[in-house]
Amino acid sequence: MNREKLLGIVLATAFTSFTISYLIHHPKIEGNIYSDIVSFWYSPLVREVKIPYVDEGFAYPPISGFIVYLSALIGKGELIPYYNTFSMILYLFYLLLVITIFKIMNRKNIPILYLFIFLIFSPSMIVYLNYNFDIVFASLLMLSLILYEKGKYKLSALAFCATALAKLINLILLPLMLSYLKSWKSKVSYIVYSIFPFLGVNLVLQIINPNFLSDTYLFHAEWGLENAWFLYLFPSNESWDTAKLFSALIMVYGVFKIYLTNVGDIYERAFMLLSVFLLTNYVFTPQMVIWLLPFLAIMGRLPITFYILEVANVGIILTWFMVDNPLAPGALPQNLALIRAAALLYMLIETYLLSSKRYTISQEFKEFLEKFFKNIKVSLKQ
């Protein structure tokens, strides 16, 4: 089958998966599953079509706020037109993600089957696709990485900047991106193009609204523990400041462990960094798993615990409203979050070990060849 026909099949099945996600969250369909899209509508920001960060605070970075405002503006504050517009925007970013991953996998000769498994038919993708801004984050991040691989560093940096303006988390990948650049000039250039526009946008909004930083970024900094495995170590609200310190310490250790390792390619190391972040952060909402799915597709293997992670991750939202306090240790959603953490930890360790093994073998093989040809050279001289 040629590439164009295969891409057509991929896009057709992606549309089907998105349609399912659209329908299961549709506010007018009985038995719909909760989504943040519908939740946003209940605030004056959407219903009264206010400008985010100017007229009303919004706890997500500017590109996310713009998506909400555009959806509210086109929908004129009405629920269904707003929901449809928001959904269409997410669908366009989903198409961007699928096409980008298709191109990467095609270039690396990775079976497209893995794209279907992770980006189209995975339960987390279907349930959390039409849900929040995570598909926007994932698509912009992967766009940045494919541009980076092609040597288009300025465009990659701008896409990386846009990713941070959707969700801030990609900044933990910046040292990784810089480590592959050879000259200091290229490193400084990448920083300038990826960070300065981000700072400029945020500075302008801070000048317009002195409460911008606190409403947008510090809001989540003050959040309590949510779906973090160490909730069981710090069950009391009074201990959550200590829990956040614990979170920061193990996160710093984990990301520096990945920064300093030489194993794996850029996609494997990015997967490991994001996995470390999710496992050590004090908030691990289930839609964040979408960040990992493109990397799993590119790595071209199916981890043993993947479907355990998927069932647990989808189960979090499906059981969230079945209990009085879903954030309590021992509550069903938190038990599922614990299972999910164990499954992801296994996937992280497996990725590290497999990458390390491949690297070691390649180094040993290289050394063997060098010795082999050296011995031949010596023999010929004799």
Protein backbone atom coordinates (compact mmCIF):
# COMPACT_ATOMS: atom_id res chain seq x y z
CA MET A 1 0.00 0.00 0.00
CA ASN A 2 1.41 3.40 -0.95
CA ARG A 3 2.00 6.16 1.56
CA GLU A 4 -0.93 8.36 0.44
CA LYS A 5 -3.52 5.58 0.77
CA LEU A 6 -2.15 4.57 4.16
CA LEU A 7 -2.30 8.16 5.40
CA GLY A 8 -5.89 8.35 4.16
CA ILE A 9 -6.81 5.28 6.23
CA VAL A 10 -5.03 6.75 9.25
CA LEU A 11 -6.91 10.05 8.96
CA ALA A 12 -10.26 8.32 8.44
CA THR A 13 -9.85 6.18 11.56
CA ALA A 14 -8.59 9.22 13.48
CA PHE A 15 -11.80 11.04 12.55
CA THR A 16 -13.80 8.10 13.88
CA SER A 17 -11.96 8.15 17.20
CA PHE A 18 -12.40 11.89 17.52
CA THR A 19 -16.11 11.59 16.77
CA ILE A 20 -16.48 9.07 19.59
CA SER A 21 -14.64 11.44 21.94
CA TYR A 22 -16.85 14.32 20.80
CA LEU A 23 -20.03 12.34 21.45
CA ILE A 24 -19.14 10.87 24.85
CA HIS A 25 -18.52 14.38 26.20
CA HIS A 26 -21.39 16.11 24.39
CA PRO A 27 -23.35 18.09 27.00
CA LYS A 28 -26.74 17.28 25.47
CA ILE A 29 -26.23 13.51 25.28
CA GLU A 30 -27.55 11.66 28.31
CA GLY A 31 -24.86 9.89 30.32
CA ASN A 32 -22.06 12.07 28.93
CA ILE A 33 -18.64 11.91 30.57
CA TYR A 34 -17.27 15.01 32.28
CA SER A 35 -14.91 17.24 30.29
CA ASP A 36 -13.15 20.50 31.13
CA ILE A 37 -14.53 22.02 27.93
CA VAL A 38 -18.08 21.92 29.28
CA SER A 39 -16.89 22.87 32.75
CA PHE A 40 -15.33 26.10 31.41
CA TRP A 41 -18.70 27.12 29.97
CA TYR A 42 -20.20 27.56 33.42
CA SER A 43 -17.83 30.44 34.18
CA PRO A 44 -18.61 34.06 33.18
CA LEU A 45 -15.45 33.94 31.05
CA VAL A 46 -17.27 31.85 28.44
CA ARG A 47 -20.96 32.59 28.94
CA GLU A 48 -20.40 36.34 28.95
CA VAL A 49 -17.60 36.12 26.33
CA LYS A 50 -15.00 37.92 28.43
CA ILE A 51 -11.38 38.34 27.35
CA PRO A 52 -9.12 35.93 29.29
CA TYR A 53 -6.45 37.54 31.48
CA VAL A 54 -7.92 41.00 30.79
CA ASP A 55 -11.56 40.81 31.93
CA GLU A 56 -11.30 37.52 33.80
CA GLY A 57 -8.49 35.33 35.12
CA PHE A 58 -7.82 31.94 33.54
CA ALA A 59 -5.63 29.21 35.02
CA TYR A 60 -3.98 28.13 31.76
CA PRO A 61 -1.32 29.80 29.55
CA PRO A 62 -2.25 32.27 26.76
CA ILE A 63 -2.76 29.93 23.77
CA SER A 64 -5.18 27.89 25.86
CA GLY A 65 -6.96 31.07 26.90
CA PHE A 66 -7.17 32.19 23.27
CA ILE A 67 -8.79 28.87 22.28
CA VAL A 68 -11.43 29.32 24.97
CA TYR A 69 -12.06 32.94 23.99
CA LEU A 70 -12.29 32.14 20.26
CA SER A 71 -14.71 29.29 20.98
CA ALA A 72 -16.86 31.51 23.20
CA LEU A 73 -16.77 34.35 20.68
CA ILE A 74 -17.81 32.20 17.72
CA GLY A 75 -20.35 30.38 19.87
CA LYS A 76 -21.67 33.70 21.25
CA GLY A 77 -21.60 32.25 24.73
CA GLU A 78 -24.08 29.50 23.86
CA LEU A 79 -23.15 26.04 25.11
CA ILE A 80 -23.48 23.90 21.97
CA PRO A 81 -21.94 26.34 19.44
CA TYR A 82 -19.12 26.95 21.93
CA TYR A 83 -18.61 23.20 22.44
CA ASN A 84 -18.64 22.55 18.69
CA THR A 85 -16.10 25.30 17.98
CA PHE A 86 -13.78 24.15 20.79
CA SER A 87 -14.08 20.57 19.52
CA MET A 88 -13.21 21.57 15.97
CA ILE A 89 -10.08 23.40 17.15
CA LEU A 90 -8.95 20.33 19.10
CA TYR A 91 -9.68 18.15 16.07
CA LEU A 92 -7.37 20.28 13.90
CA PHE A 93 -4.57 19.92 16.45
CA TYR A 94 -5.25 16.17 16.59
CA LEU A 95 -4.85 15.97 12.81
CA LEU A 96 -1.58 17.88 13.10
CA LEU A 97 -0.35 15.39 15.70
CA VAL A 98 -1.36 12.31 13.69
CA ILE A 99 0.22 13.60 10.47
CA THR A 100 3.42 14.61 12.28
CA ILE A 101 3.79 11.20 13.95
CA PHE A 102 2.97 9.46 10.66
CA LYS A 103 5.85 11.32 8.99
CA ILE A 104 8.30 10.54 11.80
CA MET A 105 7.38 6.85 11.83
CA ASN A 106 7.53 6.62 8.04
CA ARG A 107 11.03 8.11 8.04
CA LYS A 108 12.17 5.74 10.80
CA ASN A 109 10.53 2.70 9.16
CA ILE A 110 8.42 2.00 12.24
CA PRO A 111 5.26 -0.06 11.56
CA ILE A 112 2.21 2.21 11.35
CA LEU A 113 0.36 -0.33 13.50
CA TYR A 114 1.81 1.43 16.54
CA LEU A 115 0.23 4.71 15.44
CA PHE A 116 -3.18 3.01 15.45
CA ILE A 117 -2.53 1.45 18.87
CA PHE A 118 -1.34 4.58 20.66
CA LEU A 119 -2.83 7.58 18.84
CA ILE A 120 -6.15 6.32 17.53
CA PHE A 121 -7.49 3.32 19.43
CA SER A 122 -5.95 3.85 22.87
CA PRO A 123 -8.65 4.35 25.52
CA SER A 124 -6.94 7.43 26.97
CA MET A 125 -6.81 9.13 23.57
CA ILE A 126 -10.50 8.52 22.92
CA VAL A 127 -11.68 9.53 26.39
CA TYR A 128 -9.39 12.54 26.96
CA LEU A 129 -8.96 13.83 23.39
CA ASN A 130 -11.93 16.20 23.42
CA TYR A 131 -11.37 17.13 27.03
CA ASN A 132 -8.70 19.79 27.69
CA PHE A 133 -5.65 21.36 26.00
CA ASP A 134 -3.40 18.31 26.21
CA ILE A 135 -3.80 17.41 22.53
CA VAL A 136 -2.72 20.98 21.70
CA PHE A 137 0.35 20.57 23.89
CA ALA A 138 1.24 17.18 22.39
CA SER A 139 0.81 18.28 18.78
CA LEU A 140 2.91 21.45 19.15
CA LEU A 141 5.61 19.56 21.04
CA MET A 142 5.90 16.87 18.37
CA LEU A 143 5.92 19.54 15.66
CA SER A 144 8.84 21.16 17.46
CA LEU A 145 10.69 17.85 17.61
CA ILE A 146 10.24 16.94 13.94
CA LEU A 147 11.45 20.43 12.92
CA TYR A 148 14.39 19.95 15.28
CA GLU A 149 15.30 16.63 13.65
CA LYS A 150 15.20 18.28 10.22
CA GLY A 151 17.67 20.92 11.40
CA LYS A 152 15.11 23.75 11.26
CA TYR A 153 16.11 24.98 14.69
CA LYS A 154 14.51 28.43 14.64
CA LEU A 155 11.14 27.06 13.57
CA SER A 156 11.52 24.27 16.13
CA ALA A 157 12.23 26.84 18.85
CA LEU A 158 9.16 28.87 17.89
CA ALA A 159 7.01 25.73 18.00
CA PHE A 160 8.58 24.90 21.37
CA CYS A 161 7.63 28.41 22.53
CA ALA A 162 4.05 27.87 21.34
CA THR A 163 3.97 24.60 23.27
CA ALA A 164 4.88 26.43 26.48
CA LEU A 165 2.16 28.98 25.75
CA ALA A 166 -0.32 26.08 25.69
CA LYS A 167 1.03 24.26 28.75
CA LEU A 168 4.25 25.09 30.53
CA ILE A 169 5.56 21.58 31.13
CA ASN A 170 7.66 21.24 27.97
CA LEU A 171 10.28 23.54 29.51
CA ILE A 172 11.77 20.52 31.29
CA LEU A 173 12.77 19.29 27.82
CA LEU A 174 14.73 22.44 26.97
CA PRO A 175 18.08 21.20 28.43
CA LEU A 176 17.60 18.01 26.39
CA MET A 177 17.07 19.99 23.18
CA LEU A 178 20.11 22.14 23.88
CA SER A 179 22.31 19.10 24.58
CA TYR A 180 22.07 17.98 20.94
CA LEU A 181 23.19 21.34 19.56
CA LYS A 182 26.94 21.49 18.94
CA SER A 183 27.84 25.18 19.12
CA TRP A 184 27.15 27.74 21.82
CA LYS A 185 25.80 30.07 19.15
CA SER A 186 23.12 27.55 18.15
CA LYS A 187 22.27 26.91 21.81
CA VAL A 188 21.84 30.63 22.55
CA SER A 189 19.80 31.07 19.38
CA TYR A 190 17.46 28.23 20.39
CA ILE A 191 16.98 29.75 23.84
CA VAL A 192 16.26 33.18 22.37
CA TYR A 193 13.65 31.92 19.90
CA SER A 194 11.97 29.56 22.38
CA ILE A 195 12.00 31.65 25.55
CA PHE A 196 11.94 35.35 24.60
CA PRO A 197 8.58 35.29 22.73
CA PHE A 198 7.11 33.35 25.66
CA LEU A 199 8.40 35.93 28.13
CA GLY A 200 7.22 38.77 25.90
CA VAL A 201 3.63 37.51 25.70
CA ASN A 202 3.48 36.94 29.44
CA LEU A 203 5.06 40.32 30.20
CA VAL A 204 2.48 42.16 28.08
CA LEU A 205 -0.37 40.36 29.84
CA GLN A 206 1.20 41.07 33.23
CA ILE A 207 1.35 44.78 32.39
CA ILE A 208 -2.29 44.74 31.28
CA ASN A 209 -3.38 42.80 34.35
CA PRO A 210 -1.15 42.83 37.47
CA ASN A 211 -2.90 39.65 38.66
CA PHE A 212 -2.05 37.72 35.50
CA LEU A 213 0.85 35.64 36.87
CA SER A 214 -0.92 34.71 40.08
CA ASP A 215 -4.19 33.86 38.33
CA THR A 216 -2.54 31.89 35.54
CA TYR A 217 0.53 30.14 36.95
CA LEU A 218 0.46 30.38 40.73
CA PHE A 219 -3.10 29.06 40.82
CA HIS A 220 -1.86 25.56 40.03
CA ALA A 221 1.14 25.98 42.32
CA GLU A 222 -1.29 26.23 45.21
CA TRP A 223 -3.19 23.11 44.13
CA GLY A 224 -3.31 20.15 46.49
CA LEU A 225 -2.32 16.56 45.76
CA GLU A 226 -4.36 15.01 42.95
CA ASN A 227 -3.84 11.48 41.63
CA ALA A 228 -0.25 11.39 42.91
CA TRP A 229 0.93 8.01 44.20
CA PHE A 230 2.51 9.61 47.28
CA LEU A 231 -0.91 10.80 48.44
CA TYR A 232 -0.78 7.60 50.49
CA LEU A 233 2.38 8.85 52.21
CA PHE A 234 0.85 12.26 52.92
CA PRO A 235 -2.87 11.62 53.48
CA SER A 236 -3.53 14.75 55.54
CA ASN A 237 -4.02 18.16 53.95
CA GLU A 238 -1.77 19.59 56.64
CA SER A 239 1.18 17.55 55.31
CA TRP A 240 0.79 18.63 51.69
CA ASP A 241 3.46 21.34 51.87
CA THR A 242 5.89 18.60 52.90
CA ALA A 243 4.51 16.44 50.08
CA LYS A 244 5.27 19.20 47.55
CA LEU A 245 8.84 19.44 48.85
CA PHE A 246 9.14 15.66 48.53
CA SER A 247 7.72 15.96 45.01
CA ALA A 248 10.27 18.62 44.03
CA LEU A 249 13.23 16.66 45.38
CA ILE A 250 12.45 13.40 43.62
CA MET A 251 11.57 15.29 40.44
CA VAL A 252 14.91 17.10 40.39
CA TYR A 253 16.74 13.82 40.96
CA GLY A 254 14.77 12.07 38.22
CA VAL A 255 15.12 14.71 35.50
CA PHE A 256 18.84 15.19 36.15
CA LYS A 257 19.27 11.43 35.95
CA ILE A 258 17.85 11.61 32.41
CA TYR A 259 19.74 14.80 31.50
CA LEU A 260 23.07 13.21 32.40
CA THR A 261 22.50 9.84 30.76
CA ASN A 262 23.72 9.09 27.26
CA VAL A 263 21.21 6.33 26.51
CA GLY A 264 18.32 6.58 24.08
CA ASP A 265 17.51 8.93 21.24
CA ILE A 266 15.79 12.28 21.68
CA TYR A 267 12.30 10.72 21.62
CA GLU A 268 13.12 8.07 24.21
CA ARG A 269 14.76 10.60 26.50
CA ALA A 270 11.82 13.00 26.09
CA PHE A 271 9.45 10.17 26.99
CA MET A 272 11.52 9.39 30.08
CA LEU A 273 11.62 13.05 31.16
CA LEU A 274 7.86 13.48 30.81
CA SER A 275 7.27 10.18 32.61
CA VAL A 276 9.51 11.30 35.47
CA PHE A 277 7.59 14.57 35.67
CA LEU A 278 4.22 12.83 35.78
CA LEU A 279 5.35 10.28 38.36
CA THR A 280 6.89 12.88 40.67
CA ASN A 281 4.50 15.82 40.27
CA TYR A 282 1.86 16.32 42.95
CA VAL A 283 -0.83 16.66 40.26
CA PHE A 284 -1.19 13.95 37.61
CA THR A 285 -4.53 14.46 35.90
CA PRO A 286 -5.53 11.55 33.64
CA GLN A 287 -5.57 13.62 30.43
CA MET A 288 -1.81 14.17 30.82
CA VAL A 289 -1.21 10.61 29.62
CA ILE A 290 -1.88 11.96 26.10
CA TRP A 291 1.58 13.60 26.28
CA LEU A 292 3.23 10.15 26.32
CA LEU A 293 1.28 8.40 23.57
CA PRO A 294 3.10 9.94 20.56
CA PHE A 295 6.47 8.88 21.99
CA LEU A 296 5.25 5.33 22.54
CA ALA A 297 4.17 5.19 18.90
CA ILE A 298 7.57 6.44 17.70
CA MET A 299 9.47 3.98 19.91
CA GLY A 300 7.62 1.19 18.10
CA ARG A 301 6.98 -1.30 20.87
CA LEU A 302 4.07 -2.24 23.10
CA PRO A 303 5.06 -2.20 26.79
CA ILE A 304 3.70 -5.07 28.86
CA THR A 305 1.91 -2.73 31.29
CA PHE A 306 0.46 -0.34 28.70
CA TYR A 307 -3.12 -1.57 28.88
CA ILE A 308 -2.96 -1.75 32.66
CA LEU A 309 -2.05 1.93 32.61
CA GLU A 310 -4.83 2.65 30.10
CA VAL A 311 -7.60 0.88 32.00
CA ALA A 312 -6.58 2.54 35.26
CA ASN A 313 -6.24 5.95 33.62
CA VAL A 314 -9.67 5.87 31.98
CA GLY A 315 -11.12 4.42 35.16
CA ILE A 316 -10.15 7.55 37.08
CA ILE A 317 -12.68 9.76 35.32
CA LEU A 318 -15.30 7.01 35.10
CA THR A 319 -15.24 6.50 38.88
CA TRP A 320 -14.53 10.09 39.90
CA PHE A 321 -18.16 11.01 40.58
CA MET A 322 -19.05 7.65 42.10
CA VAL A 323 -17.48 8.44 45.47
CA ASP A 324 -17.98 11.24 47.99
CA ASN A 325 -14.33 12.30 48.06
CA PRO A 326 -12.39 11.10 44.99
CA LEU A 327 -9.20 12.73 46.33
CA ALA A 328 -9.15 10.70 49.55
CA PRO A 329 -6.49 7.98 49.98
CA GLY A 330 -8.19 4.63 49.44
CA ALA A 331 -10.92 6.08 47.22
CA LEU A 332 -11.39 4.12 44.01
CA PRO A 333 -9.99 6.86 41.71
CA GLN A 334 -6.86 7.12 43.87
CA ASN A 335 -6.42 3.35 43.92
CA LEU A 336 -6.56 3.42 40.12
CA ALA A 337 -4.07 6.30 40.10
CA LEU A 338 -1.71 4.15 42.20
CA ILE A 339 -2.01 1.25 39.74
CA ARG A 340 -1.42 3.68 36.88
CA ALA A 341 1.74 4.99 38.55
CA ALA A 342 3.11 1.46 38.98
CA ALA A 343 2.40 0.67 35.32
CA LEU A 344 4.07 3.87 34.12
CA LEU A 345 7.08 3.28 36.37
CA TYR A 346 7.53 -0.12 34.75
CA MET A 347 7.34 1.49 31.29
CA LEU A 348 9.89 4.12 32.31
CA ILE A 349 12.35 1.52 33.65
CA GLU A 350 11.82 -0.71 30.60
CA THR A 351 12.52 2.21 28.25
CA TYR A 352 15.67 3.14 30.15
CA LEU A 353 17.01 -0.41 30.25
CA LEU A 354 16.23 -1.19 26.62
CA SER A 355 17.79 2.09 25.50
CA SER A 356 20.81 1.44 27.69
CA LYS A 357 21.19 -2.11 26.37
CA ARG A 358 21.00 -0.97 22.75
CA TYR A 359 23.53 1.78 23.41
CA THR A 360 25.90 -0.62 25.16
CA ILE A 361 25.68 -3.18 22.38
CA SER A 362 26.31 -0.53 19.73
CA GLN A 363 29.34 0.75 21.63
CA GLU A 364 30.74 -2.74 22.10
CA PHE A 365 30.18 -3.54 18.42
CA LYS A 366 31.91 -0.33 17.43
CA GLU A 367 34.89 -1.16 19.64
CA PHE A 368 35.00 -4.69 18.21
CA LEU A 369 35.12 -3.34 14.64
CA GLU A 370 37.83 -0.84 15.54
CA LYS A 371 39.99 -3.60 17.05
CA PHE A 372 39.25 -5.93 14.15
CA PHE A 373 40.36 -3.46 11.48
CA LYS A 374 43.31 -2.39 13.59
CA ASN A 375 44.51 -6.00 13.75
CA ILE A 376 44.07 -6.37 9.98
CA LYS A 377 46.05 -3.18 9.44
CA VAL A 378 48.87 -4.49 11.68
CA SER A 379 48.86 -7.85 9.89
CA LEU A 380 49.14 -6.18 6.49
CA LYS A 381 52.10 -4.13 7.60
CA GLN A 382 53.87 -7.27 8.80
